[in-house]
Every structure is written in C-alpha cells, then in structure tokens.
C-alpha cells in the first residue's frame, strides 16, 4: 500500500559537527578522512586552507569540495565559517587530558573516568539538541493511537528496545519486543494499519532490524527508525526517523555512548506518551509498582 513520505529533521539543530558525525558512515572513504579531521578539531580545520586540509586528510582538493556538498555546504568558504562558529561555542572537557574524546594507550583510571563521563554527557546533550520536536510529536501521536506497538533491536540496541517495551507496557500500552528475528518477523506480518513498529539500530545497517521493519511497513503499520546515521538503510523503510548523536571511541563501539543516546530518545517518547493521559499513566504505574512491592527487601511486606 502507498505510504506517506517519511518525516525526519532536515536542519542541523544540534550543530554542524553533530550533523557531520551522523553522516560520516554514508561518506566515501576519502571524505570520511576529511570528516574525521573536521570533527576532531573544528577550530584547527577552520584555520586551514583547502590545500592544507586536503593534504592532512591525504586526499585531493576536489574531494574536500565533494565533502562540503555532501554535508550540505555550498563550498569550502562556507564550511570554514561554520566550523569557526562551531568551535567558538564548543564545550571543552573539564580535564585537559580528554582530547578528541578518545582513551589513549597508558591512560590512568582518572583519565578514563573523565573521558567516559565527558563523552556520555556530550552524547546525551547533543542528542537532545538535534532532536526535532515536530517529528517526536508525530511519533508520540502514532504510539498513543496505536492498537499494538512492536519494538525491534539487536545487540546493544536490543537492550534499549526491551527497555522501551517495558516502559510502554507499564503504562498500559500493548507493546512487544522480540529478540529472536524469526519471532519478530512472524509477529510483524500480523501488524496492520493503526499499529506502530519501532526499529532501533545505532549504525542503521542491522539487517535483522531492517527486515522486520520492512515487513511491518508492508503490512500497513507506521514505522519508526531510531539511528545515529540519518542516511543509513533503515531510514528507507521508516515513515519517521529519529536520530542520536553519539560518537563512539576506543573500547566503546556500538555499546555505551550510543545506548545512552538511544535511551534519551526512548525516555522522551515514553514521557510524551504518558503525558497525553497522566491519570491513566499514573494509575498504571502505581498498580505495576504495587504488584512487585513484596519482592523488594525491606519493603515491610512478606509473601505468605
């Protein structure tokens, strides 16, 4: 059946660096080298001539121009102006040893703590900054009106999918999460108009999640993609696209900062849904909390 055009953010509310970071996986290898230089130190990149930047990235000036156009700039002069502005407002880490957000060889625990805390906080803040409230509102509308909600995710994103399902279930929404792809596919095949399917994938390339979301969309359900890569394959099977802004570093690929960023978006949607009917949500939360109260040590209640 025909679907309405997908809705996603077309601007850069979170800043140019967040925008470039999200597009990085979709760029060519040579453009990625340029992007990494720009993202790691916007101020330094802004001071460079196009020849200097091309040399540092081990590529050509033509590639730098292509990179500019790939990220929505008219040319290199506009990129330099935007990078200078970005550098001026950039928040520096509290520990001078936290450079580029990575953990260097030989780092002591104090430096590891400072780096992880800074990166995690930045992932949450930048995700919130670039979230489009209008798209979030449309997703909340769809979930509130849905007869059935299914959430899909694999690996670290699977934990986030499970968390979202449990949150929705606790406020009385009919929500399901299936970690097994075969079970997810058979369930998605039974969805229809008025239902909502949410696919979560940091890279946007997880084939299991894409396949299940595609099945749900083919059956008429509204589909939502939550990803860090706005040009990734999962966005092609989504009616609504929500993006995170996590930058993975050493030892952390796909597991930590990305999960915190995803949970931020999940919490936004959950609270948005709960706020539509506060009395119902409060009653459901109280009932579910009461149901497990006797299983808490020191609660003052004991099972017979």
C-alpha atoms as a PDB file:
ATOM      1  CA  UNK A   1       0.000   0.000   0.000  1.00  0.00           C
ATOM      2  CA  UNK A   2       1.151   3.572  -0.548  1.00  0.00           C
ATOM      3  CA  UNK A   3       2.847   5.198   2.383  1.00  0.00           C
ATOM      4  CA  UNK A   4       3.210   8.862   3.281  1.00  0.00           C
ATOM      5  CA  UNK A   5       6.687  10.362   2.884  1.00  0.00           C
ATOM      6  CA  UNK A   6       8.991   9.722   5.811  1.00  0.00           C
ATOM      7  CA  UNK A   7       9.432  12.534   8.241  1.00  0.00           C
ATOM      8  CA  UNK A   8      12.830  13.464   9.611  1.00  0.00           C
ATOM      9  CA  UNK A   9      14.827  16.500  10.556  1.00  0.00           C
ATOM     10  CA  UNK A  10      16.148  18.396   7.535  1.00  0.00           C
ATOM     11  CA  UNK A  11      18.037  21.048   9.505  1.00  0.00           C
ATOM     12  CA  UNK A  12      21.010  20.946  11.875  1.00  0.00           C
ATOM     13  CA  UNK A  13      19.619  21.977  15.281  1.00  0.00           C
ATOM     14  CA  UNK A  14      22.429  20.187  17.099  1.00  0.00           C
ATOM     15  CA  UNK A  15      25.219  21.929  15.192  1.00  0.00           C
ATOM     16  CA  UNK A  16      27.360  21.175  12.187  1.00  0.00           C
ATOM     17  CA  UNK A  17      29.701  18.730  13.962  1.00  0.00           C
ATOM     18  CA  UNK A  18      26.798  16.581  15.136  1.00  0.00           C
ATOM     19  CA  UNK A  19      25.409  16.702  11.605  1.00  0.00           C
ATOM     20  CA  UNK A  20      28.717  15.618  10.054  1.00  0.00           C
ATOM     21  CA  UNK A  21      29.186  12.857  12.636  1.00  0.00           C
ATOM     22  CA  UNK A  22      25.804  11.413  11.733  1.00  0.00           C
ATOM     23  CA  UNK A  23      26.570  11.472   8.015  1.00  0.00           C
ATOM     24  CA  UNK A  24      30.079  10.047   8.348  1.00  0.00           C
ATOM     25  CA  UNK A  25      29.167   6.377   7.659  1.00  0.00           C
ATOM     26  CA  UNK A  26      27.486   7.355   4.382  1.00  0.00           C
ATOM     27  CA  UNK A  27      30.529   9.235   3.043  1.00  0.00           C
ATOM     28  CA  UNK A  28      33.219   7.822   0.770  1.00  0.00           C
ATOM     29  CA  UNK A  29      36.471   6.669   2.455  1.00  0.00           C
ATOM     30  CA  UNK A  30      38.312   9.796   1.313  1.00  0.00           C
ATOM     31  CA  UNK A  31      35.508  12.072   2.513  1.00  0.00           C
ATOM     32  CA  UNK A  32      35.489  10.225   5.830  1.00  0.00           C
ATOM     33  CA  UNK A  33      39.129  11.164   6.369  1.00  0.00           C
ATOM     34  CA  UNK A  34      38.197  14.812   5.869  1.00  0.00           C
ATOM     35  CA  UNK A  35      35.200  14.433   8.177  1.00  0.00           C
ATOM     36  CA  UNK A  36      37.281  12.918  10.981  1.00  0.00           C
ATOM     37  CA  UNK A  37      39.728  15.819  10.864  1.00  0.00           C
ATOM     38  CA  UNK A  38      36.873  18.322  10.956  1.00  0.00           C
ATOM     39  CA  UNK A  39      35.024  16.582  13.787  1.00  0.00           C
ATOM     40  CA  UNK A  40      38.102  16.012  15.945  1.00  0.00           C
ATOM     41  CA  UNK A  41      39.198  19.670  15.869  1.00  0.00           C
ATOM     42  CA  UNK A  42      36.792  22.170  14.220  1.00  0.00           C
ATOM     43  CA  UNK A  43      38.945  25.174  15.166  1.00  0.00           C
ATOM     44  CA  UNK A  44      42.056  23.728  13.541  1.00  0.00           C
ATOM     45  CA  UNK A  45      40.109  22.758  10.399  1.00  0.00           C
ATOM     46  CA  UNK A  46      38.627  26.259  10.167  1.00  0.00           C
ATOM     47  CA  UNK A  47      42.127  27.774  10.118  1.00  0.00           C
ATOM     48  CA  UNK A  48      43.360  25.565   7.294  1.00  0.00           C
ATOM     49  CA  UNK A  49      43.247  26.405   3.620  1.00  0.00           C
ATOM     50  CA  UNK A  50      41.561  23.880   1.374  1.00  0.00           C
ATOM     51  CA  UNK A  51      45.007  22.696   0.271  1.00  0.00           C
ATOM     52  CA  UNK A  52      46.146  22.223   3.889  1.00  0.00           C
ATOM     53  CA  UNK A  53      43.028  20.249   4.805  1.00  0.00           C
ATOM     54  CA  UNK A  54      43.310  18.059   1.709  1.00  0.00           C
ATOM     55  CA  UNK A  55      46.954  17.325   2.487  1.00  0.00           C
ATOM     56  CA  UNK A  56      46.210  16.488   6.127  1.00  0.00           C
ATOM     57  CA  UNK A  57      43.439  14.127   5.014  1.00  0.00           C
ATOM     58  CA  UNK A  58      45.691  12.572   2.367  1.00  0.00           C
ATOM     59  CA  UNK A  59      43.247  13.400  -0.387  1.00  0.00           C
ATOM     60  CA  UNK A  60      42.590  15.996  -3.080  1.00  0.00           C
ATOM     61  CA  UNK A  61      41.033  19.447  -3.016  1.00  0.00           C
ATOM     62  CA  UNK A  62      38.241  18.093  -5.223  1.00  0.00           C
ATOM     63  CA  UNK A  63      37.406  15.558  -2.521  1.00  0.00           C
ATOM     64  CA  UNK A  64      37.186  18.330   0.077  1.00  0.00           C
ATOM     65  CA  UNK A  65      34.734  20.150  -2.202  1.00  0.00           C
ATOM     66  CA  UNK A  66      32.671  16.958  -2.577  1.00  0.00           C
ATOM     67  CA  UNK A  67      32.715  16.576   1.191  1.00  0.00           C
ATOM     68  CA  UNK A  68      31.390  20.119   1.608  1.00  0.00           C
ATOM     69  CA  UNK A  69      28.487  19.375  -0.711  1.00  0.00           C
ATOM     70  CA  UNK A  70      27.817  16.008   0.929  1.00  0.00           C
ATOM     71  CA  UNK A  71      27.255  17.718   4.274  1.00  0.00           C
ATOM     72  CA  UNK A  72      25.097  20.484   2.806  1.00  0.00           C
ATOM     73  CA  UNK A  73      27.632  23.281   2.329  1.00  0.00           C
ATOM     74  CA  UNK A  74      27.877  25.357  -0.866  1.00  0.00           C
ATOM     75  CA  UNK A  75      31.659  25.222  -0.774  1.00  0.00           C
ATOM     76  CA  UNK A  76      34.765  25.378   1.383  1.00  0.00           C
ATOM     77  CA  UNK A  77      34.451  29.056   2.411  1.00  0.00           C
ATOM     78  CA  UNK A  78      31.026  28.355   3.941  1.00  0.00           C
ATOM     79  CA  UNK A  79      32.390  25.285   5.702  1.00  0.00           C
ATOM     80  CA  UNK A  80      35.240  27.301   7.278  1.00  0.00           C
ATOM     81  CA  UNK A  81      32.824  29.962   8.533  1.00  0.00           C
ATOM     82  CA  UNK A  82      30.503  27.350  10.034  1.00  0.00           C
ATOM     83  CA  UNK A  83      33.414  25.485  11.638  1.00  0.00           C
ATOM     84  CA  UNK A  84      34.753  28.677  13.217  1.00  0.00           C
ATOM     85  CA  UNK A  85      31.335  29.400  14.699  1.00  0.00           C
ATOM     86  CA  UNK A  86      31.061  25.816  15.917  1.00  0.00           C
ATOM     87  CA  UNK A  87      34.491  25.968  17.549  1.00  0.00           C
ATOM     88  CA  UNK A  88      33.573  29.197  19.354  1.00  0.00           C
ATOM     89  CA  UNK A  89      30.604  27.591  21.081  1.00  0.00           C
ATOM     90  CA  UNK A  90      32.172  24.187  21.655  1.00  0.00           C
ATOM     91  CA  UNK A  91      32.287  22.997  25.268  1.00  0.00           C
ATOM     92  CA  UNK A  92      35.752  21.856  26.283  1.00  0.00           C
ATOM     93  CA  UNK A  93      36.215  18.832  28.558  1.00  0.00           C
ATOM     94  CA  UNK A  94      36.952  19.617  32.223  1.00  0.00           C
ATOM     95  CA  UNK A  95      40.138  17.528  32.104  1.00  0.00           C
ATOM     96  CA  UNK A  96      42.767  18.846  29.686  1.00  0.00           C
ATOM     97  CA  UNK A  97      43.884  15.273  29.004  1.00  0.00           C
ATOM     98  CA  UNK A  98      40.499  14.434  27.459  1.00  0.00           C
ATOM     99  CA  UNK A  99      41.346  15.216  23.853  1.00  0.00           C
ATOM    100  CA  UNK A 100      39.078  14.141  20.999  1.00  0.00           C
ATOM    101  CA  UNK A 101      37.046  12.044  23.389  1.00  0.00           C
ATOM    102  CA  UNK A 102      39.292   9.007  22.912  1.00  0.00           C
ATOM    103  CA  UNK A 103      41.124   6.935  25.511  1.00  0.00           C
ATOM    104  CA  UNK A 104      44.856   6.861  24.679  1.00  0.00           C
ATOM    105  CA  UNK A 105      47.224   3.987  25.493  1.00  0.00           C
ATOM    106  CA  UNK A 106      48.529   4.211  29.048  1.00  0.00           C
ATOM    107  CA  UNK A 107      45.603   6.278  30.333  1.00  0.00           C
ATOM    108  CA  UNK A 108      45.156   6.026  34.089  1.00  0.00           C
ATOM    109  CA  UNK A 109      41.759   5.433  35.716  1.00  0.00           C
ATOM    110  CA  UNK A 110      41.272   9.119  36.499  1.00  0.00           C
ATOM    111  CA  UNK A 111      41.649   9.964  32.809  1.00  0.00           C
ATOM    112  CA  UNK A 112      39.387   7.058  31.811  1.00  0.00           C
ATOM    113  CA  UNK A 113      36.700   8.257  34.231  1.00  0.00           C
ATOM    114  CA  UNK A 114      36.933  11.847  32.962  1.00  0.00           C
ATOM    115  CA  UNK A 115      36.818  10.776  29.319  1.00  0.00           C
ATOM    116  CA  UNK A 116      33.867   8.424  29.693  1.00  0.00           C
ATOM    117  CA  UNK A 117      31.886  10.901  31.799  1.00  0.00           C
ATOM    118  CA  UNK A 118      32.522  13.707  29.302  1.00  0.00           C
ATOM    119  CA  UNK A 119      31.619  11.599  26.249  1.00  0.00           C
ATOM    120  CA  UNK A 120      28.482  10.152  27.825  1.00  0.00           C
ATOM    121  CA  UNK A 121      27.260  13.579  28.908  1.00  0.00           C
ATOM    122  CA  UNK A 122      28.041  15.016  25.474  1.00  0.00           C
ATOM    123  CA  UNK A 123      26.160  12.186  23.731  1.00  0.00           C
ATOM    124  CA  UNK A 124      23.028  12.902  25.765  1.00  0.00           C
ATOM    125  CA  UNK A 125      23.273  16.683  25.362  1.00  0.00           C
ATOM    126  CA  UNK A 126      23.948  16.642  21.620  1.00  0.00           C
ATOM    127  CA  UNK A 127      21.223  14.071  21.028  1.00  0.00           C
ATOM    128  CA  UNK A 128      18.730  16.317  22.829  1.00  0.00           C
ATOM    129  CA  UNK A 129      19.912  19.384  20.895  1.00  0.00           C
ATOM    130  CA  UNK A 130      19.422  17.802  17.480  1.00  0.00           C
ATOM    131  CA  UNK A 131      16.122  16.025  18.170  1.00  0.00           C
ATOM    132  CA  UNK A 132      13.301  17.504  16.095  1.00  0.00           C
ATOM    133  CA  UNK A 133      10.317  18.162  18.414  1.00  0.00           C
ATOM    134  CA  UNK A 134       7.892  18.060  15.468  1.00  0.00           C
ATOM    135  CA  UNK A 135       8.978  14.541  14.477  1.00  0.00           C
ATOM    136  CA  UNK A 136       8.893  13.388  18.105  1.00  0.00           C
ATOM    137  CA  UNK A 137       5.361  14.771  18.362  1.00  0.00           C
ATOM    138  CA  UNK A 138       4.251  12.798  15.323  1.00  0.00           C
ATOM    139  CA  UNK A 139       5.762   9.609  16.713  1.00  0.00           C
ATOM    140  CA  UNK A 140       4.044  10.155  20.069  1.00  0.00           C
ATOM    141  CA  UNK A 141       0.748  10.725  18.210  1.00  0.00           C
ATOM    142  CA  UNK A 142       1.175   7.416  16.400  1.00  0.00           C
ATOM    143  CA  UNK A 143       2.041   5.482  19.560  1.00  0.00           C
ATOM    144  CA  UNK A 144      -0.856   6.964  21.540  1.00  0.00           C
ATOM    145  CA  UNK A 145      -3.313   5.969  18.792  1.00  0.00           C
ATOM    146  CA  UNK A 146      -1.735   2.557  18.146  1.00  0.00           C
ATOM    147  CA  UNK A 147      -3.599  -0.658  18.803  1.00  0.00           C
ATOM    148  CA  UNK A 148      -0.315  -2.540  19.050  1.00  0.00           C
ATOM    149  CA  UNK A 149       3.318  -1.418  19.307  1.00  0.00           C
ATOM    150  CA  UNK A 150       6.315  -3.576  18.489  1.00  0.00           C
ATOM    151  CA  UNK A 151       9.936  -2.621  19.137  1.00  0.00           C
ATOM    152  CA  UNK A 152      12.901  -4.277  17.434  1.00  0.00           C
ATOM    153  CA  UNK A 153      16.634  -4.139  18.104  1.00  0.00           C
ATOM    154  CA  UNK A 154      19.706  -6.375  18.128  1.00  0.00           C
ATOM    155  CA  UNK A 155      22.807  -6.431  20.320  1.00  0.00           C
ATOM    156  CA  UNK A 156      23.171  -3.296  22.458  1.00  0.00           C
ATOM    157  CA  UNK A 157      20.177  -1.748  20.688  1.00  0.00           C
ATOM    158  CA  UNK A 158      18.160  -4.777  21.764  1.00  0.00           C
ATOM    159  CA  UNK A 159      18.566  -3.737  25.412  1.00  0.00           C
ATOM    160  CA  UNK A 160      17.167  -0.317  24.526  1.00  0.00           C
ATOM    161  CA  UNK A 161      14.278  -1.903  22.598  1.00  0.00           C
ATOM    162  CA  UNK A 162      13.457  -4.076  25.609  1.00  0.00           C
ATOM    163  CA  UNK A 163      13.588  -1.050  27.909  1.00  0.00           C
ATOM    164  CA  UNK A 164      11.174   0.888  25.672  1.00  0.00           C
ATOM    165  CA  UNK A 165       8.752  -2.054  25.519  1.00  0.00           C
ATOM    166  CA  UNK A 166       8.741  -2.401  29.305  1.00  0.00           C
ATOM    167  CA  UNK A 167       8.182   1.315  29.813  1.00  0.00           C
ATOM    168  CA  UNK A 168       5.203   1.347  27.438  1.00  0.00           C
ATOM    169  CA  UNK A 169       3.790  -1.846  28.929  1.00  0.00           C
ATOM    170  CA  UNK A 170       3.931  -0.362  32.440  1.00  0.00           C
ATOM    171  CA  UNK A 171       1.611   2.490  31.443  1.00  0.00           C
ATOM    172  CA  UNK A 172      -0.908   0.147  29.885  1.00  0.00           C
ATOM    173  CA  UNK A 173       0.174   0.245  26.247  1.00  0.00           C
ATOM    174  CA  UNK A 174       0.083  -3.005  24.295  1.00  0.00           C
ATOM    175  CA  UNK A 175       3.765  -3.306  23.418  1.00  0.00           C
ATOM    176  CA  UNK A 176       6.027  -6.214  22.488  1.00  0.00           C
ATOM    177  CA  UNK A 177       9.741  -6.845  21.990  1.00  0.00           C
ATOM    178  CA  UNK A 178      11.026  -9.993  20.273  1.00  0.00           C
ATOM    179  CA  UNK A 179      14.796 -10.658  20.485  1.00  0.00           C
ATOM    180  CA  UNK A 180      14.511 -13.567  18.030  1.00  0.00           C
ATOM    181  CA  UNK A 181      14.297 -12.348  14.417  1.00  0.00           C
ATOM    182  CA  UNK A 182      12.037 -15.203  13.277  1.00  0.00           C
ATOM    183  CA  UNK A 183       9.525 -14.462  16.030  1.00  0.00           C
ATOM    184  CA  UNK A 184       9.753 -10.754  15.245  1.00  0.00           C
ATOM    185  CA  UNK A 185       9.113 -11.369  11.546  1.00  0.00           C
ATOM    186  CA  UNK A 186       6.062 -13.567  12.153  1.00  0.00           C
ATOM    187  CA  UNK A 187       4.655 -11.007  14.574  1.00  0.00           C
ATOM    188  CA  UNK A 188       5.336  -8.083  12.216  1.00  0.00           C
ATOM    189  CA  UNK A 189       3.475  -9.985   9.484  1.00  0.00           C
ATOM    190  CA  UNK A 190       0.314  -9.690  11.597  1.00  0.00           C
ATOM    191  CA  UNK A 191       0.524  -5.932  12.092  1.00  0.00           C
ATOM    192  CA  UNK A 192      -1.780  -3.603  10.212  1.00  0.00           C
ATOM    193  CA  UNK A 193      -2.953  -0.049   9.800  1.00  0.00           C
ATOM    194  CA  UNK A 194      -3.024   1.755  13.131  1.00  0.00           C
ATOM    195  CA  UNK A 195      -0.164  -0.285  14.587  1.00  0.00           C
ATOM    196  CA  UNK A 196       3.362   1.057  15.155  1.00  0.00           C
ATOM    197  CA  UNK A 197       6.711  -0.673  14.646  1.00  0.00           C
ATOM    198  CA  UNK A 198       9.904   0.870  16.059  1.00  0.00           C
ATOM    199  CA  UNK A 199      13.310  -0.280  14.806  1.00  0.00           C
ATOM    200  CA  UNK A 200      16.443   0.669  16.767  1.00  0.00           C
ATOM    201  CA  UNK A 201      19.896   0.397  15.176  1.00  0.00           C
ATOM    202  CA  UNK A 202      22.886   2.601  16.003  1.00  0.00           C
ATOM    203  CA  UNK A 203      24.503   2.090  12.590  1.00  0.00           C
ATOM    204  CA  UNK A 204      21.213   1.806  10.733  1.00  0.00           C
ATOM    205  CA  UNK A 205      22.602  -1.209   8.881  1.00  0.00           C
ATOM    206  CA  UNK A 206      21.479  -4.140  11.080  1.00  0.00           C
ATOM    207  CA  UNK A 207      19.810  -6.421   8.542  1.00  0.00           C
ATOM    208  CA  UNK A 208      17.548  -8.214  11.049  1.00  0.00           C
ATOM    209  CA  UNK A 209      16.007  -4.964  12.267  1.00  0.00           C
ATOM    210  CA  UNK A 210      15.660  -3.556   8.746  1.00  0.00           C
ATOM    211  CA  UNK A 211      13.954  -6.718   7.507  1.00  0.00           C
ATOM    212  CA  UNK A 212      11.431  -6.776  10.343  1.00  0.00           C
ATOM    213  CA  UNK A 213      10.664  -3.063   9.958  1.00  0.00           C
ATOM    214  CA  UNK A 214      10.198  -3.575   6.224  1.00  0.00           C
ATOM    215  CA  UNK A 215       7.741  -6.415   6.914  1.00  0.00           C
ATOM    216  CA  UNK A 216       5.761  -4.241   9.321  1.00  0.00           C
ATOM    217  CA  UNK A 217       5.600  -1.405   6.813  1.00  0.00           C
ATOM    218  CA  UNK A 218       4.421  -3.732   4.057  1.00  0.00           C
ATOM    219  CA  UNK A 219       1.509  -4.738   6.299  1.00  0.00           C
ATOM    220  CA  UNK A 220       0.442  -1.121   6.752  1.00  0.00           C
ATOM    221  CA  UNK A 221       1.933  -0.309  10.152  1.00  0.00           C
ATOM    222  CA  UNK A 222       3.565   3.054  10.791  1.00  0.00           C
ATOM    223  CA  UNK A 223       7.320   2.570  11.096  1.00  0.00           C
ATOM    224  CA  UNK A 224       9.838   4.483  13.196  1.00  0.00           C
ATOM    225  CA  UNK A 225      13.631   4.265  12.903  1.00  0.00           C
ATOM    226  CA  UNK A 226      15.977   5.336  15.694  1.00  0.00           C
ATOM    227  CA  UNK A 227      19.555   5.529  14.407  1.00  0.00           C
ATOM    228  CA  UNK A 228      22.777   7.502  14.607  1.00  0.00           C
ATOM    229  CA  UNK A 229      23.078   7.589  10.794  1.00  0.00           C
ATOM    230  CA  UNK A 230      20.367   9.629   9.029  1.00  0.00           C
ATOM    231  CA  UNK A 231      21.326   8.275   5.575  1.00  0.00           C
ATOM    232  CA  UNK A 232      21.525   4.614   6.575  1.00  0.00           C
ATOM    233  CA  UNK A 233      19.434   1.782   5.042  1.00  0.00           C
ATOM    234  CA  UNK A 234      16.980   1.615   7.956  1.00  0.00           C
ATOM    235  CA  UNK A 235      15.701   5.094   7.114  1.00  0.00           C
ATOM    236  CA  UNK A 236      14.491   3.779   3.748  1.00  0.00           C
ATOM    237  CA  UNK A 237      11.859   1.597   5.461  1.00  0.00           C
ATOM    238  CA  UNK A 238      10.772   4.197   8.034  1.00  0.00           C
ATOM    239  CA  UNK A 239       7.946   6.717   7.979  1.00  0.00           C
ATOM    240  CA  UNK A 240       9.546   8.629  10.852  1.00  0.00           C
ATOM    241  CA  UNK A 241      13.285   8.977  11.507  1.00  0.00           C
ATOM    242  CA  UNK A 242      14.746   9.957  14.873  1.00  0.00           C
ATOM    243  CA  UNK A 243      18.499  10.345  15.238  1.00  0.00           C
ATOM    244  CA  UNK A 244      21.011  10.195  18.047  1.00  0.00           C
ATOM    245  CA  UNK A 245      24.362  11.991  18.227  1.00  0.00           C
ATOM    246  CA  UNK A 246      26.775   9.544  19.842  1.00  0.00           C
ATOM    247  CA  UNK A 247      30.469   9.453  18.945  1.00  0.00           C
ATOM    248  CA  UNK A 248      31.996   6.057  19.615  1.00  0.00           C
ATOM    249  CA  UNK A 249      35.610   5.844  20.766  1.00  0.00           C
ATOM    250  CA  UNK A 250      38.127   3.169  21.715  1.00  0.00           C
ATOM    251  CA  UNK A 251      36.574   0.152  23.520  1.00  0.00           C
ATOM    252  CA  UNK A 252      33.095   1.651  23.113  1.00  0.00           C
ATOM    253  CA  UNK A 253      31.908   0.879  19.583  1.00  0.00           C
ATOM    254  CA  UNK A 254      28.145   0.438  19.435  1.00  0.00           C
ATOM    255  CA  UNK A 255      27.694  -0.247  23.128  1.00  0.00           C
ATOM    256  CA  UNK A 256      27.945   2.620  25.602  1.00  0.00           C
ATOM    257  CA  UNK A 257      27.564   6.211  24.429  1.00  0.00           C
ATOM    258  CA  UNK A 258      25.170   5.080  21.691  1.00  0.00           C
ATOM    259  CA  UNK A 259      22.979   3.230  24.176  1.00  0.00           C
ATOM    260  CA  UNK A 260      22.748   6.272  26.449  1.00  0.00           C
ATOM    261  CA  UNK A 261      21.815   8.450  23.474  1.00  0.00           C
ATOM    262  CA  UNK A 262      19.140   5.941  22.399  1.00  0.00           C
ATOM    263  CA  UNK A 263      17.747   5.766  25.929  1.00  0.00           C
ATOM    264  CA  UNK A 264      17.450   9.560  25.914  1.00  0.00           C
ATOM    265  CA  UNK A 265      15.186   9.419  22.866  1.00  0.00           C
ATOM    266  CA  UNK A 266      13.228   6.476  24.303  1.00  0.00           C
ATOM    267  CA  UNK A 267      12.604   8.419  27.518  1.00  0.00           C
ATOM    268  CA  UNK A 268      11.436  11.454  25.537  1.00  0.00           C
ATOM    269  CA  UNK A 269       8.899   9.315  23.678  1.00  0.00           C
ATOM    270  CA  UNK A 270       7.799   7.458  26.814  1.00  0.00           C
ATOM    271  CA  UNK A 271       7.180  10.633  28.810  1.00  0.00           C
ATOM    272  CA  UNK A 272       5.461  12.183  25.798  1.00  0.00           C
ATOM    273  CA  UNK A 273       3.062   9.231  25.599  1.00  0.00           C
ATOM    274  CA  UNK A 274       2.470   9.149  29.359  1.00  0.00           C
ATOM    275  CA  UNK A 275       1.778  12.894  29.439  1.00  0.00           C
ATOM    276  CA  UNK A 276      -1.109  12.518  26.984  1.00  0.00           C
ATOM    277  CA  UNK A 277      -3.123  10.763  29.708  1.00  0.00           C
ATOM    278  CA  UNK A 278      -1.472  11.444  33.037  1.00  0.00           C
ATOM    279  CA  UNK A 279      -4.226   9.912  35.145  1.00  0.00           C
ATOM    280  CA  UNK A 280      -4.136   6.641  33.224  1.00  0.00           C
ATOM    281  CA  UNK A 281      -0.335   6.504  33.265  1.00  0.00           C
ATOM    282  CA  UNK A 282      -0.128   7.264  36.996  1.00  0.00           C
ATOM    283  CA  UNK A 283      -2.719   4.617  37.822  1.00  0.00           C
ATOM    284  CA  UNK A 284      -0.905   2.008  35.717  1.00  0.00           C
ATOM    285  CA  UNK A 285       2.492   2.839  37.244  1.00  0.00           C
ATOM    286  CA  UNK A 286       1.075   2.619  40.761  1.00  0.00           C
ATOM    287  CA  UNK A 287      -0.597  -0.729  40.024  1.00  0.00           C
ATOM    288  CA  UNK A 288       2.552  -2.247  38.498  1.00  0.00           C
ATOM    289  CA  UNK A 289       4.742  -0.926  41.318  1.00  0.00           C
ATOM    290  CA  UNK A 290       2.362  -2.410  43.884  1.00  0.00           C
ATOM    291  CA  UNK A 291       2.450  -5.771  42.105  1.00  0.00           C
ATOM    292  CA  UNK A 292       6.192  -6.189  42.730  1.00  0.00           C
ATOM    293  CA  UNK A 293       6.413  -4.368  46.056  1.00  0.00           C
ATOM    294  CA  UNK A 294       6.519  -7.586  48.095  1.00  0.00           C
ATOM    295  CA  UNK A 295       9.618  -8.686  46.177  1.00  0.00           C
ATOM    296  CA  UNK A 296      11.681  -5.760  47.471  1.00  0.00           C
ATOM    297  CA  UNK A 297      13.890  -6.345  50.514  1.00  0.00           C
ATOM    298  CA  UNK A 298      12.898  -4.142  53.447  1.00  0.00           C
ATOM    299  CA  UNK A 299       9.529  -3.234  51.926  1.00  0.00           C
ATOM    300  CA  UNK A 300       7.737  -4.181  55.129  1.00  0.00           C
ATOM    301  CA  UNK A 301       5.711  -6.807  53.308  1.00  0.00           C
ATOM    302  CA  UNK A 302       6.385 -10.503  53.053  1.00  0.00           C
ATOM    303  CA  UNK A 303       4.897 -13.150  50.879  1.00  0.00           C
ATOM    304  CA  UNK A 304       2.814 -15.727  52.720  1.00  0.00           C
END
